[in-house]
Amino acid sequence: MELMDSHCHLDFPEFDSSRSDIIKTCEKNHIKKFVVPGVSQSTWHRLPKLKKQYSQCEVAFGLHPYFIEEHQTSHLLDLESWLDKYKPVAVGEIGLDFFNKSLDKKKQRELFSAQLDIASRYLLPVILHVRKAHDEVIQSLKKSKLKNGGVVHAFNGSLQQANQYMDHGFKFGFGGALTFDNATHLRALASALPLNSILLETDSPDMKPVNYQEPLNTPLTLLSVLDCFSSLRDEKRSDIADQVASNTKALFKFA
């Protein structure tokens, strides 16, 4: 069995003292690959170092909407330079966050649209962060020339929205939020969506599973996510793991 954490932030400083041990423990538990998206131009430098030290890590570069006040228009040119130099597996984490009312919507829209254009020109998939903005993101995808789809990280939209995303070649990331008993809508989505559209993720150090007592979420909790997801499906756990690994490889085009 081969497992892959399709969205985690192993470059964050919270992991500096434990990163190597975490990756070794994950390896022993069949978690073989980690996709690590960038969130701001000022922190991208951590990603090539991570990839160089740990071949299990694949990286992406993007301007995350949550950090909108940090981003400058010039960072879009920087993004293209980093894509040219480091050949990441995706552009991300990008998107729209309308849940947080303090974030400048106009600036978010401009940067998101520009990053979709960049991803399209570089023939890369995108890693989407979307909160309270699925309909607008879908409209942006319809207008874009994006060819290689992507993943909607921590998806919690409707089945109708999911179908529209799939029309544009998107898959859906499910993580620790799925493990909570009151996550009825999320669990219904996990049950209904086709297995070939699913990726599993931890979003570590965030998005801890239910009853997880450690201060720092890690990619090791992918096992809990897999167990919960498997309990909602008819397929066998091992078949789910294999298919999700295949989905992840196909989207990000790594061996």
Protein backbone atom coordinates (compact mmCIF):
# COMPACT_ATOMS: atom_id res chain seq x y z
CA MET A 1 0.00 0.00 0.00
CA GLU A 2 1.22 3.46 -0.93
CA LEU A 3 -0.26 6.57 0.66
CA MET A 4 0.26 10.21 -0.30
CA ASP A 5 -0.50 13.37 1.62
CA SER A 6 -1.70 15.63 -1.18
CA HIS A 7 -1.61 18.81 0.92
CA CYS A 8 0.62 19.53 3.90
CA HIS A 9 2.99 22.30 4.95
CA LEU A 10 6.12 20.46 6.00
CA ASP A 11 8.15 23.57 5.18
CA PHE A 12 6.60 25.48 8.10
CA PRO A 13 9.00 26.28 10.95
CA GLU A 14 6.81 24.29 13.36
CA PHE A 15 8.37 21.16 11.84
CA ASP A 16 12.02 22.24 12.05
CA SER A 17 12.80 20.15 15.11
CA SER A 18 10.80 17.06 14.09
CA ARG A 19 10.61 16.98 10.28
CA SER A 20 13.10 14.17 9.66
CA ASP A 21 11.59 11.92 12.33
CA ILE A 22 8.07 12.57 11.03
CA ILE A 23 9.03 11.66 7.47
CA LYS A 24 10.80 8.49 8.63
CA THR A 25 7.78 7.44 10.69
CA CYS A 26 5.48 8.16 7.75
CA GLU A 27 7.65 5.97 5.52
CA LYS A 28 7.28 3.09 7.96
CA ASN A 29 3.51 3.56 7.75
CA HIS A 30 3.38 3.53 3.93
CA ILE A 31 3.03 7.33 3.54
CA LYS A 32 5.49 7.80 0.70
CA LYS A 33 4.84 11.22 -0.82
CA PHE A 34 3.96 14.72 0.35
CA VAL A 35 2.75 17.64 -1.76
CA VAL A 36 3.82 20.89 -0.09
CA PRO A 37 2.20 24.08 -1.48
CA GLY A 38 3.73 27.52 -1.02
CA VAL A 39 1.71 30.37 0.44
CA SER A 40 3.73 33.57 -0.01
CA GLN A 41 6.69 34.89 -1.97
CA SER A 42 8.63 35.51 1.26
CA THR A 43 8.46 31.81 2.21
CA TRP A 44 8.95 30.10 -1.16
CA HIS A 45 12.67 29.79 -0.48
CA ARG A 46 11.95 27.01 2.01
CA LEU A 47 10.46 24.73 -0.62
CA PRO A 48 13.45 23.96 -2.89
CA LYS A 49 15.51 23.24 0.23
CA LEU A 50 12.83 20.85 1.45
CA LYS A 51 12.68 19.08 -1.91
CA LYS A 52 16.46 18.79 -2.06
CA GLN A 53 16.70 17.28 1.42
CA TYR A 54 13.65 15.01 1.16
CA SER A 55 12.94 13.44 -2.22
CA GLN A 56 9.53 12.36 -0.87
CA CYS A 57 8.40 16.00 -0.98
CA GLU A 58 6.95 17.58 -4.12
CA VAL A 59 6.43 21.32 -4.05
CA ALA A 60 4.21 24.03 -5.50
CA PHE A 61 4.43 27.82 -5.49
CA GLY A 62 1.51 30.18 -5.06
CA LEU A 63 0.13 33.31 -3.41
CA HIS A 64 -2.45 32.20 -0.82
CA PRO A 65 -5.50 34.49 -0.44
CA TYR A 66 -5.24 34.45 3.34
CA PHE A 67 -1.97 36.40 3.11
CA ILE A 68 -3.36 38.88 0.59
CA GLU A 69 -1.89 41.93 2.35
CA GLU A 70 1.64 40.53 1.91
CA HIS A 71 1.33 39.95 -1.82
CA GLN A 72 2.53 42.46 -4.40
CA THR A 73 1.88 42.58 -8.14
CA SER A 74 5.61 42.05 -8.65
CA HIS A 75 5.30 38.68 -6.94
CA LEU A 76 3.50 37.40 -10.05
CA LEU A 77 6.69 37.94 -12.06
CA ASP A 78 8.62 36.25 -9.27
CA LEU A 79 6.20 33.32 -9.48
CA GLU A 80 7.01 32.78 -13.14
CA SER A 81 10.73 32.89 -12.37
CA TRP A 82 10.34 30.28 -9.63
CA LEU A 83 8.27 28.05 -11.92
CA ASP A 84 10.97 28.29 -14.58
CA LYS A 85 13.79 27.54 -12.16
CA TYR A 86 12.33 24.83 -9.92
CA LYS A 87 9.73 22.99 -12.06
CA PRO A 88 7.10 22.42 -9.32
CA VAL A 89 4.16 20.04 -9.66
CA ALA A 90 1.51 22.77 -9.39
CA VAL A 91 0.68 26.41 -8.86
CA GLY A 92 -0.71 26.75 -5.36
CA GLU A 93 -1.98 27.37 -2.91
CA ILE A 94 -4.20 29.94 -4.63
CA GLY A 95 -7.88 30.86 -4.59
CA LEU A 96 -10.51 33.06 -2.99
CA ASP A 97 -11.33 33.34 0.71
CA PHE A 98 -14.56 35.28 1.32
CA PHE A 99 -15.12 33.69 4.73
CA ASN A 100 -12.65 36.12 6.29
CA LYS A 101 -14.34 39.49 5.78
CA SER A 102 -11.13 41.43 6.41
CA LEU A 103 -9.45 40.14 3.24
CA ASP A 104 -9.50 42.49 0.24
CA LYS A 105 -11.82 40.81 -2.31
CA LYS A 106 -10.73 42.94 -5.27
CA LYS A 107 -7.06 42.18 -4.73
CA GLN A 108 -7.86 38.49 -4.20
CA ARG A 109 -9.72 38.34 -7.51
CA GLU A 110 -6.92 40.06 -9.41
CA LEU A 111 -4.19 37.80 -8.03
CA PHE A 112 -6.26 34.66 -8.45
CA SER A 113 -7.07 35.44 -12.09
CA ALA A 114 -3.42 36.22 -12.83
CA GLN A 115 -2.26 32.97 -11.21
CA LEU A 116 -4.77 30.94 -13.22
CA ASP A 117 -3.32 32.52 -16.35
CA ILE A 118 0.20 31.63 -15.25
CA ALA A 119 -0.79 28.03 -14.47
CA SER A 120 -2.42 27.80 -17.88
CA ARG A 121 0.71 29.03 -19.68
CA TYR A 122 2.94 26.65 -17.73
CA LEU A 123 0.54 23.72 -18.25
CA LEU A 124 0.37 23.11 -14.50
CA PRO A 125 -2.56 22.07 -12.29
CA VAL A 126 -3.60 24.38 -9.47
CA ILE A 127 -4.16 23.78 -5.75
CA LEU A 128 -7.24 25.75 -4.72
CA HIS A 129 -8.13 27.26 -1.36
CA VAL A 130 -11.81 28.25 -1.53
CA ARG A 131 -14.02 29.49 1.29
CA LYS A 132 -17.51 30.91 0.68
CA ALA A 133 -16.54 31.51 -2.95
CA HIS A 134 -17.08 28.30 -4.93
CA ASP A 135 -19.49 29.79 -7.47
CA GLU A 136 -17.14 32.66 -8.24
CA VAL A 137 -14.13 30.36 -8.49
CA ILE A 138 -16.05 28.11 -10.91
CA GLN A 139 -16.91 31.14 -13.05
CA SER A 140 -13.23 32.10 -13.07
CA LEU A 141 -12.31 28.59 -14.19
CA LYS A 142 -14.83 28.80 -17.03
CA LYS A 143 -13.18 32.00 -18.24
CA SER A 144 -9.64 30.68 -17.84
CA LYS A 145 -7.63 28.60 -20.29
CA LEU A 146 -6.52 26.18 -17.58
CA LYS A 147 -5.84 22.82 -19.20
CA ASN A 148 -4.56 20.54 -16.42
CA GLY A 149 -7.23 21.00 -13.75
CA GLY A 150 -6.22 20.75 -10.13
CA VAL A 151 -7.53 19.98 -6.67
CA VAL A 152 -10.00 21.83 -4.46
CA HIS A 153 -8.26 21.56 -1.09
CA ALA A 154 -10.57 20.85 1.89
CA PHE A 155 -13.62 20.78 -0.37
CA ASN A 156 -16.93 21.45 1.36
CA GLY A 157 -19.15 22.71 -1.43
CA SER A 158 -22.25 21.16 -2.97
CA LEU A 159 -22.51 18.15 -5.28
CA GLN A 160 -23.65 20.51 -8.04
CA GLN A 161 -20.50 22.58 -7.55
CA ALA A 162 -18.42 19.40 -7.44
CA ASN A 163 -19.80 18.35 -10.81
CA GLN A 164 -18.87 21.72 -12.27
CA TYR A 165 -15.36 21.42 -10.88
CA MET A 166 -15.04 17.94 -12.35
CA ASP A 167 -16.04 19.34 -15.74
CA HIS A 168 -12.84 21.39 -15.49
CA GLY A 169 -10.66 18.44 -14.50
CA PHE A 170 -10.64 18.98 -10.74
CA LYS A 171 -10.33 16.55 -7.87
CA PHE A 172 -11.24 17.07 -4.21
CA GLY A 173 -9.09 16.97 -1.08
CA PHE A 174 -10.48 15.47 2.13
CA GLY A 175 -8.69 15.76 5.45
CA GLY A 176 -9.11 15.80 9.20
CA ALA A 177 -12.43 17.66 9.15
CA LEU A 178 -13.99 14.48 7.75
CA THR A 179 -13.35 12.62 11.02
CA PHE A 180 -15.72 14.73 13.12
CA ASP A 181 -19.10 13.14 13.85
CA ASN A 182 -20.96 16.36 13.06
CA ALA A 183 -19.39 16.63 9.59
CA THR A 184 -22.54 15.24 8.00
CA HIS A 185 -22.37 17.28 4.79
CA LEU A 186 -18.69 16.53 4.30
CA ARG A 187 -19.27 12.82 4.87
CA ALA A 188 -22.14 12.80 2.39
CA LEU A 189 -19.81 14.32 -0.20
CA ALA A 190 -17.10 11.76 0.56
CA SER A 191 -19.64 8.99 0.09
CA ALA A 192 -21.12 10.34 -3.14
CA LEU A 193 -18.16 11.58 -5.18
CA PRO A 194 -16.48 9.15 -7.57
CA LEU A 195 -13.37 7.54 -6.11
CA ASN A 196 -11.25 8.66 -9.06
CA SER A 197 -11.92 12.28 -8.02
CA ILE A 198 -10.59 11.95 -4.46
CA LEU A 199 -7.30 13.00 -2.87
CA LEU A 200 -6.51 12.64 0.84
CA GLU A 201 -4.66 15.30 2.80
CA THR A 202 -3.80 16.47 6.30
CA ASP A 203 -3.14 20.22 5.83
CA SER A 204 -0.69 19.74 8.69
CA PRO A 205 0.17 21.47 10.94
CA ASP A 206 -3.51 22.52 10.75
CA MET A 207 -6.82 20.60 10.39
CA LYS A 208 -6.33 18.03 13.16
CA PRO A 209 -8.54 14.93 13.16
CA VAL A 210 -11.07 14.40 15.93
CA ASN A 211 -9.64 13.37 19.33
CA TYR A 212 -6.09 14.12 18.20
CA GLN A 213 -4.29 15.33 21.32
CA GLU A 214 -0.83 16.24 20.01
CA PRO A 215 -0.09 19.97 19.68
CA LEU A 216 1.00 19.63 16.06
CA ASN A 217 -0.90 17.84 13.32
CA THR A 218 1.42 15.79 11.07
CA PRO A 219 1.08 13.82 7.82
CA LEU A 220 0.93 10.66 9.95
CA THR A 221 -2.73 11.46 10.65
CA LEU A 222 -3.41 10.62 7.00
CA LEU A 223 -4.03 7.11 8.37
CA SER A 224 -6.97 8.42 10.42
CA VAL A 225 -8.34 10.24 7.39
CA LEU A 226 -8.05 7.08 5.29
CA ASP A 227 -9.80 5.01 7.97
CA CYS A 228 -12.67 7.48 8.20
CA PHE A 229 -13.01 7.82 4.44
CA SER A 230 -12.97 4.02 4.05
CA SER A 231 -15.76 3.67 6.61
CA LEU A 232 -17.99 5.77 4.35
CA ARG A 233 -17.37 3.78 1.17
CA ASP A 234 -18.16 0.35 -0.21
CA GLU A 235 -14.65 -0.17 -1.59
CA LYS A 236 -11.97 -1.95 0.43
CA ARG A 237 -9.49 0.20 2.35
CA SER A 238 -6.53 -1.08 0.32
CA ASP A 239 -8.33 -0.42 -2.97
CA ILE A 240 -9.16 3.11 -1.82
CA ALA A 241 -5.54 3.74 -0.89
CA ASP A 242 -4.35 2.47 -4.27
CA GLN A 243 -6.85 4.53 -6.23
CA VAL A 244 -6.18 7.72 -4.27
CA ALA A 245 -2.43 7.27 -4.80
CA SER A 246 -3.09 6.81 -8.51
CA ASN A 247 -5.25 9.97 -8.53
CA THR A 248 -2.50 11.96 -6.84
CA LYS A 249 0.19 10.75 -9.24
CA ALA A 250 -1.98 11.44 -12.26
CA LEU A 251 -2.84 14.98 -11.20
CA PHE A 252 0.65 16.06 -10.21
CA LYS A 253 2.46 13.90 -12.78
CA PHE A 254 5.07 12.29 -10.57
CA ALA A 255 6.15 8.65 -10.44
